[in-house]
């Protein structure tokens, strides 16, 4: 029983290490996406305003 517990413990550690590694690899990509999103957000608001103007041209 003890050996099984040790295997489970080590597997858990390995999985945690793999998750950590995957996160560190994904971080630069996520930063790029966040930066793009920040650049796009004002444009979205602008487009939304233009769509509303088109919907009600006479004011």
C-alpha atoms as a PDB file:
ATOM      1  CA  UNK A   1       0.000   0.000   0.000  1.00  0.00           C
ATOM      2  CA  UNK A   2       2.832   2.361   0.856  1.00  0.00           C
ATOM      3  CA  UNK A   3       4.458   1.985  -2.579  1.00  0.00           C
ATOM      4  CA  UNK A   4       1.144   2.809  -4.276  1.00  0.00           C
ATOM      5  CA  UNK A   5       0.818   5.983  -2.198  1.00  0.00           C
ATOM      6  CA  UNK A   6       4.335   7.037  -3.135  1.00  0.00           C
ATOM      7  CA  UNK A   7       3.601   6.472  -6.833  1.00  0.00           C
ATOM      8  CA  UNK A   8       0.442   8.554  -6.552  1.00  0.00           C
ATOM      9  CA  UNK A   9       2.344  11.273  -4.759  1.00  0.00           C
ATOM     10  CA  UNK A  10       5.091  11.407  -7.370  1.00  0.00           C
ATOM     11  CA  UNK A  11       2.597  11.322 -10.246  1.00  0.00           C
ATOM     12  CA  UNK A  12       0.763  14.234  -8.661  1.00  0.00           C
ATOM     13  CA  UNK A  13       4.031  16.179  -8.475  1.00  0.00           C
ATOM     14  CA  UNK A  14       4.842  15.398 -12.106  1.00  0.00           C
ATOM     15  CA  UNK A  15       1.390  16.522 -13.242  1.00  0.00           C
ATOM     16  CA  UNK A  16       1.735  19.752 -11.253  1.00  0.00           C
ATOM     17  CA  UNK A  17       5.133  20.350 -12.867  1.00  0.00           C
ATOM     18  CA  UNK A  18       3.655  19.758 -16.342  1.00  0.00           C
ATOM     19  CA  UNK A  19       0.810  22.202 -15.638  1.00  0.00           C
ATOM     20  CA  UNK A  20       3.313  24.795 -14.403  1.00  0.00           C
ATOM     21  CA  UNK A  21       5.438  24.331 -17.544  1.00  0.00           C
ATOM     22  CA  UNK A  22       2.413  24.627 -19.842  1.00  0.00           C
ATOM     23  CA  UNK A  23       1.329  27.815 -18.082  1.00  0.00           C
ATOM     24  CA  UNK A  24       4.783  29.359 -18.409  1.00  0.00           C
ATOM     25  CA  UNK A  25       4.815  28.530 -22.146  1.00  0.00           C
ATOM     26  CA  UNK A  26       1.311  29.995 -22.613  1.00  0.00           C
ATOM     27  CA  UNK A  27       2.067  33.230 -20.709  1.00  0.00           C
ATOM     28  CA  UNK A  28       3.688  35.177 -23.617  1.00  0.00           C
ATOM     29  CA  UNK A  29       0.793  34.233 -25.898  1.00  0.00           C
ATOM     30  CA  UNK A  30      -1.745  35.349 -23.307  1.00  0.00           C
ATOM     31  CA  UNK A  31       0.118  38.643 -22.887  1.00  0.00           C
ATOM     32  CA  UNK A  32      -0.023  39.216 -26.652  1.00  0.00           C
ATOM     33  CA  UNK A  33      -3.753  38.467 -26.703  1.00  0.00           C
ATOM     34  CA  UNK A  34      -4.363  40.835 -23.791  1.00  0.00           C
ATOM     35  CA  UNK A  35      -2.419  43.588 -25.554  1.00  0.00           C
ATOM     36  CA  UNK A  36      -4.393  43.038 -28.755  1.00  0.00           C
ATOM     37  CA  UNK A  37      -7.651  43.087 -26.836  1.00  0.00           C
ATOM     38  CA  UNK A  38      -6.700  46.419 -25.243  1.00  0.00           C
ATOM     39  CA  UNK A  39      -5.991  47.856 -28.700  1.00  0.00           C
ATOM     40  CA  UNK A  40      -9.230  46.488 -30.186  1.00  0.00           C
ATOM     41  CA  UNK A  41     -11.583  47.550 -27.369  1.00  0.00           C
ATOM     42  CA  UNK A  42     -11.802  51.285 -28.305  1.00  0.00           C
ATOM     43  CA  UNK A  43     -12.474  50.303 -31.924  1.00  0.00           C
ATOM     44  CA  UNK A  44     -15.343  48.062 -30.796  1.00  0.00           C
ATOM     45  CA  UNK A  45     -16.936  50.972 -28.960  1.00  0.00           C
ATOM     46  CA  UNK A  46     -16.464  53.189 -32.032  1.00  0.00           C
ATOM     47  CA  UNK A  47     -18.074  50.585 -34.323  1.00  0.00           C
ATOM     48  CA  UNK A  48     -20.969  50.159 -31.925  1.00  0.00           C
ATOM     49  CA  UNK A  49     -21.561  53.930 -31.981  1.00  0.00           C
ATOM     50  CA  UNK A  50     -21.466  53.974 -35.791  1.00  0.00           C
ATOM     51  CA  UNK A  51     -23.947  51.074 -35.967  1.00  0.00           C
ATOM     52  CA  UNK A  52     -26.323  52.973 -33.697  1.00  0.00           C
ATOM     53  CA  UNK A  53     -26.015  56.054 -35.937  1.00  0.00           C
ATOM     54  CA  UNK A  54     -26.854  53.924 -38.962  1.00  0.00           C
ATOM     55  CA  UNK A  55     -29.845  52.411 -37.176  1.00  0.00           C
ATOM     56  CA  UNK A  56     -31.349  55.860 -36.416  1.00  0.00           C
ATOM     57  CA  UNK A  57     -30.085  58.249 -39.096  1.00  0.00           C
ATOM     58  CA  UNK A  58     -32.620  60.978 -38.296  1.00  0.00           C
ATOM     59  CA  UNK A  59     -32.224  62.550 -34.881  1.00  0.00           C
END
